[in-house]
Amino acid sequence: MSVGEELVGVASPASPIEARLIKGLLESVGIPCLLRSFRGGARTVLVHADRADEARALLAEAEARALGEAESLPD
């Protein structure tokens, strides 16, 4: 990522593992991203502003797919 490019948050993962999974997913489709961590454990996944909508759509699709798979598991 270049200096001076506008970055926006697209996700606030609950754990470092979730953050790395999101980063891997975005990068696997060519969306560069950064992970920013704050004291107290808060995290944000950042992408270029011009790719934010694409990243959010991809993450929403992945979440819906994961929820659908979880609902189809036997009790």
N, C-alpha and C. Protein backbone atom coordinates (compact mmCIF):
# COMPACT_ATOMS: atom_id res chain seq x y z
N MET A 1 0.85 -1.17 0.00
CA MET A 1 0.00 0.00 0.00
C MET A 1 0.89 1.23 0.00
N SER A 2 0.50 2.20 -0.76
CA SER A 2 1.30 3.41 -0.90
C SER A 2 0.92 4.46 0.13
N VAL A 3 1.89 5.25 0.49
CA VAL A 3 1.66 6.35 1.42
C VAL A 3 0.73 7.36 0.77
N GLY A 4 -0.21 7.88 1.54
CA GLY A 4 -1.11 8.90 1.04
C GLY A 4 -2.41 8.37 0.47
N GLU A 5 -2.53 7.06 0.29
CA GLU A 5 -3.77 6.51 -0.21
C GLU A 5 -4.76 6.41 0.94
N GLU A 6 -6.03 6.73 0.66
CA GLU A 6 -7.04 6.69 1.71
C GLU A 6 -7.39 5.25 2.03
N LEU A 7 -7.31 4.90 3.31
CA LEU A 7 -7.67 3.57 3.78
C LEU A 7 -8.94 3.67 4.61
N VAL A 8 -9.80 2.66 4.48
CA VAL A 8 -11.03 2.63 5.26
C VAL A 8 -11.17 1.26 5.91
N GLY A 9 -11.83 1.24 7.05
CA GLY A 9 -12.08 0.00 7.75
C GLY A 9 -13.25 -0.75 7.13
N VAL A 10 -13.06 -2.06 6.94
CA VAL A 10 -14.13 -2.89 6.38
C VAL A 10 -14.56 -4.00 7.33
N ALA A 11 -13.81 -4.21 8.41
CA ALA A 11 -14.17 -5.24 9.37
C ALA A 11 -13.49 -4.95 10.70
N SER A 12 -14.15 -5.42 11.77
CA SER A 12 -13.59 -5.31 13.12
C SER A 12 -13.61 -6.71 13.73
N PRO A 13 -12.61 -7.52 13.39
CA PRO A 13 -12.59 -8.90 13.85
C PRO A 13 -12.47 -9.01 15.37
N ALA A 14 -13.05 -10.08 15.90
CA ALA A 14 -13.07 -10.29 17.35
C ALA A 14 -11.76 -10.86 17.89
N SER A 15 -10.96 -11.45 17.02
CA SER A 15 -9.72 -12.08 17.49
C SER A 15 -8.62 -11.92 16.45
N PRO A 16 -7.38 -12.12 16.86
CA PRO A 16 -6.28 -12.08 15.89
C PRO A 16 -6.41 -13.15 14.80
N ILE A 17 -6.94 -14.30 15.17
CA ILE A 17 -7.11 -15.37 14.18
C ILE A 17 -8.13 -14.96 13.13
N GLU A 18 -9.26 -14.41 13.57
CA GLU A 18 -10.28 -13.94 12.63
C GLU A 18 -9.70 -12.85 11.73
N ALA A 19 -8.90 -11.96 12.29
CA ALA A 19 -8.28 -10.89 11.50
C ALA A 19 -7.40 -11.47 10.40
N ARG A 20 -6.60 -12.48 10.74
CA ARG A 20 -5.72 -13.09 9.73
C ARG A 20 -6.52 -13.84 8.67
N LEU A 21 -7.64 -14.47 9.07
CA LEU A 21 -8.49 -15.16 8.09
C LEU A 21 -9.09 -14.16 7.10
N ILE A 22 -9.57 -13.04 7.62
CA ILE A 22 -10.13 -12.00 6.75
C ILE A 22 -9.06 -11.45 5.82
N LYS A 23 -7.89 -11.18 6.36
CA LYS A 23 -6.78 -10.68 5.54
C LYS A 23 -6.45 -11.66 4.42
N GLY A 24 -6.38 -12.94 4.75
CA GLY A 24 -6.09 -13.96 3.76
C GLY A 24 -7.15 -14.05 2.68
N LEU A 25 -8.41 -13.95 3.08
CA LEU A 25 -9.51 -13.99 2.12
C LEU A 25 -9.43 -12.82 1.15
N LEU A 26 -9.25 -11.62 1.69
CA LEU A 26 -9.18 -10.43 0.83
C LEU A 26 -7.99 -10.50 -0.11
N GLU A 27 -6.84 -10.87 0.42
CA GLU A 27 -5.64 -10.93 -0.41
C GLU A 27 -5.73 -12.04 -1.46
N SER A 28 -6.49 -13.10 -1.18
CA SER A 28 -6.61 -14.20 -2.14
C SER A 28 -7.36 -13.79 -3.41
N VAL A 29 -8.15 -12.71 -3.32
CA VAL A 29 -8.85 -12.21 -4.50
C VAL A 29 -8.25 -10.89 -4.99
N GLY A 30 -7.06 -10.58 -4.50
CA GLY A 30 -6.33 -9.41 -5.00
C GLY A 30 -6.66 -8.09 -4.35
N ILE A 31 -7.27 -8.12 -3.17
CA ILE A 31 -7.57 -6.88 -2.45
C ILE A 31 -6.51 -6.70 -1.36
N PRO A 32 -5.57 -5.77 -1.55
CA PRO A 32 -4.55 -5.54 -0.52
C PRO A 32 -5.20 -4.99 0.75
N CYS A 33 -4.68 -5.38 1.89
CA CYS A 33 -5.24 -4.87 3.14
C CYS A 33 -4.18 -4.83 4.22
N LEU A 34 -4.50 -4.09 5.26
CA LEU A 34 -3.65 -3.97 6.45
C LEU A 34 -4.48 -4.30 7.67
N LEU A 35 -3.81 -4.83 8.68
CA LEU A 35 -4.46 -5.05 9.97
C LEU A 35 -3.95 -4.01 10.94
N ARG A 36 -4.87 -3.35 11.62
CA ARG A 36 -4.47 -2.36 12.63
C ARG A 36 -5.01 -2.84 13.97
N SER A 37 -4.13 -2.90 14.95
CA SER A 37 -4.52 -3.32 16.30
C SER A 37 -4.36 -2.15 17.25
N PHE A 38 -5.24 -2.11 18.23
CA PHE A 38 -5.22 -1.06 19.23
C PHE A 38 -5.02 -1.68 20.61
N ARG A 39 -4.55 -0.87 21.53
CA ARG A 39 -4.47 -1.35 22.91
C ARG A 39 -5.86 -1.74 23.36
N GLY A 40 -5.92 -2.77 24.15
CA GLY A 40 -7.21 -3.25 24.60
C GLY A 40 -7.77 -4.33 23.69
N GLY A 41 -7.08 -4.61 22.58
CA GLY A 41 -7.46 -5.73 21.73
C GLY A 41 -8.31 -5.41 20.53
N ALA A 42 -8.79 -4.18 20.38
CA ALA A 42 -9.61 -3.87 19.21
C ALA A 42 -8.76 -3.96 17.94
N ARG A 43 -9.38 -4.44 16.86
CA ARG A 43 -8.69 -4.60 15.58
C ARG A 43 -9.55 -4.06 14.45
N THR A 44 -8.90 -3.61 13.39
CA THR A 44 -9.60 -3.15 12.20
C THR A 44 -8.86 -3.66 10.97
N VAL A 45 -9.63 -4.11 9.98
CA VAL A 45 -9.06 -4.49 8.69
C VAL A 45 -9.27 -3.30 7.76
N LEU A 46 -8.17 -2.80 7.18
CA LEU A 46 -8.20 -1.61 6.33
C LEU A 46 -7.92 -1.99 4.88
N VAL A 47 -8.65 -1.35 3.96
CA VAL A 47 -8.40 -1.52 2.52
C VAL A 47 -8.43 -0.14 1.86
N HIS A 48 -7.95 -0.08 0.62
CA HIS A 48 -8.04 1.16 -0.15
C HIS A 48 -9.52 1.54 -0.28
N ALA A 49 -9.81 2.81 -0.18
CA ALA A 49 -11.19 3.29 -0.24
C ALA A 49 -11.89 2.83 -1.52
N ASP A 50 -11.17 2.78 -2.63
CA ASP A 50 -11.81 2.40 -3.89
C ASP A 50 -12.10 0.90 -3.99
N ARG A 51 -11.64 0.11 -3.02
CA ARG A 51 -11.93 -1.34 -3.00
C ARG A 51 -12.81 -1.72 -1.82
N ALA A 52 -13.24 -0.72 -1.03
CA ALA A 52 -13.98 -1.00 0.21
C ALA A 52 -15.31 -1.70 -0.07
N ASP A 53 -16.08 -1.24 -1.04
CA ASP A 53 -17.37 -1.86 -1.32
C ASP A 53 -17.18 -3.31 -1.75
N GLU A 54 -16.20 -3.55 -2.59
CA GLU A 54 -15.89 -4.91 -3.04
C GLU A 54 -15.51 -5.80 -1.86
N ALA A 55 -14.67 -5.27 -0.97
CA ALA A 55 -14.23 -6.04 0.19
C ALA A 55 -15.41 -6.34 1.12
N ARG A 56 -16.25 -5.36 1.37
CA ARG A 56 -17.41 -5.57 2.25
C ARG A 56 -18.36 -6.61 1.66
N ALA A 57 -18.58 -6.55 0.35
CA ALA A 57 -19.46 -7.52 -0.30
C ALA A 57 -18.89 -8.93 -0.18
N LEU A 58 -17.60 -9.06 -0.40
CA LEU A 58 -16.95 -10.37 -0.28
C LEU A 58 -17.06 -10.91 1.14
N LEU A 59 -16.83 -10.05 2.13
CA LEU A 59 -16.91 -10.48 3.52
C LEU A 59 -18.35 -10.85 3.90
N ALA A 60 -19.33 -10.10 3.42
CA ALA A 60 -20.73 -10.42 3.70
C ALA A 60 -21.11 -11.76 3.08
N GLU A 61 -20.64 -12.01 1.87
CA GLU A 61 -20.90 -13.28 1.19
C GLU A 61 -20.26 -14.44 1.96
N ALA A 62 -19.03 -14.26 2.41
CA ALA A 62 -18.34 -15.30 3.16
C ALA A 62 -19.05 -15.58 4.48
N GLU A 63 -19.51 -14.52 5.15
CA GLU A 63 -20.22 -14.70 6.42
C GLU A 63 -21.54 -15.43 6.20
N ALA A 64 -22.29 -15.05 5.16
CA ALA A 64 -23.56 -15.71 4.87
C ALA A 64 -23.34 -17.19 4.55
N ARG A 65 -22.30 -17.47 3.79
CA ARG A 65 -21.98 -18.86 3.45
C ARG A 65 -21.63 -19.65 4.71
N ALA A 66 -20.84 -19.06 5.60
CA ALA A 66 -20.46 -19.74 6.84
C ALA A 66 -21.67 -19.97 7.74
N LEU A 67 -22.56 -19.00 7.82
CA LEU A 67 -23.77 -19.16 8.63
C LEU A 67 -24.67 -20.24 8.05
N GLY A 68 -24.79 -20.27 6.74
CA GLY A 68 -25.60 -21.30 6.09
C GLY A 68 -25.05 -22.69 6.33
N GLU A 69 -23.74 -22.82 6.30
CA GLU A 69 -23.11 -24.12 6.56
C GLU A 69 -23.31 -24.52 8.01
N ALA A 70 -23.24 -23.56 8.93
CA ALA A 70 -23.43 -23.87 10.35
C ALA A 70 -24.87 -24.30 10.62
N GLU A 71 -25.83 -23.68 9.96
CA GLU A 71 -27.24 -24.03 10.15
C GLU A 71 -27.56 -25.41 9.60
N SER A 72 -26.81 -25.87 8.61
CA SER A 72 -27.09 -27.16 8.01
C SER A 72 -26.44 -28.32 8.76
N LEU A 73 -25.66 -28.03 9.80
CA LEU A 73 -25.04 -29.08 10.60
C LEU A 73 -26.10 -29.76 11.46
N PRO A 74 -25.99 -31.08 11.63
CA PRO A 74 -26.97 -31.77 12.50
C PRO A 74 -26.78 -31.36 13.96
N ASP A 75 -27.87 -31.39 14.71
CA ASP A 75 -27.82 -31.02 16.14
C ASP A 75 -27.13 -32.04 16.97
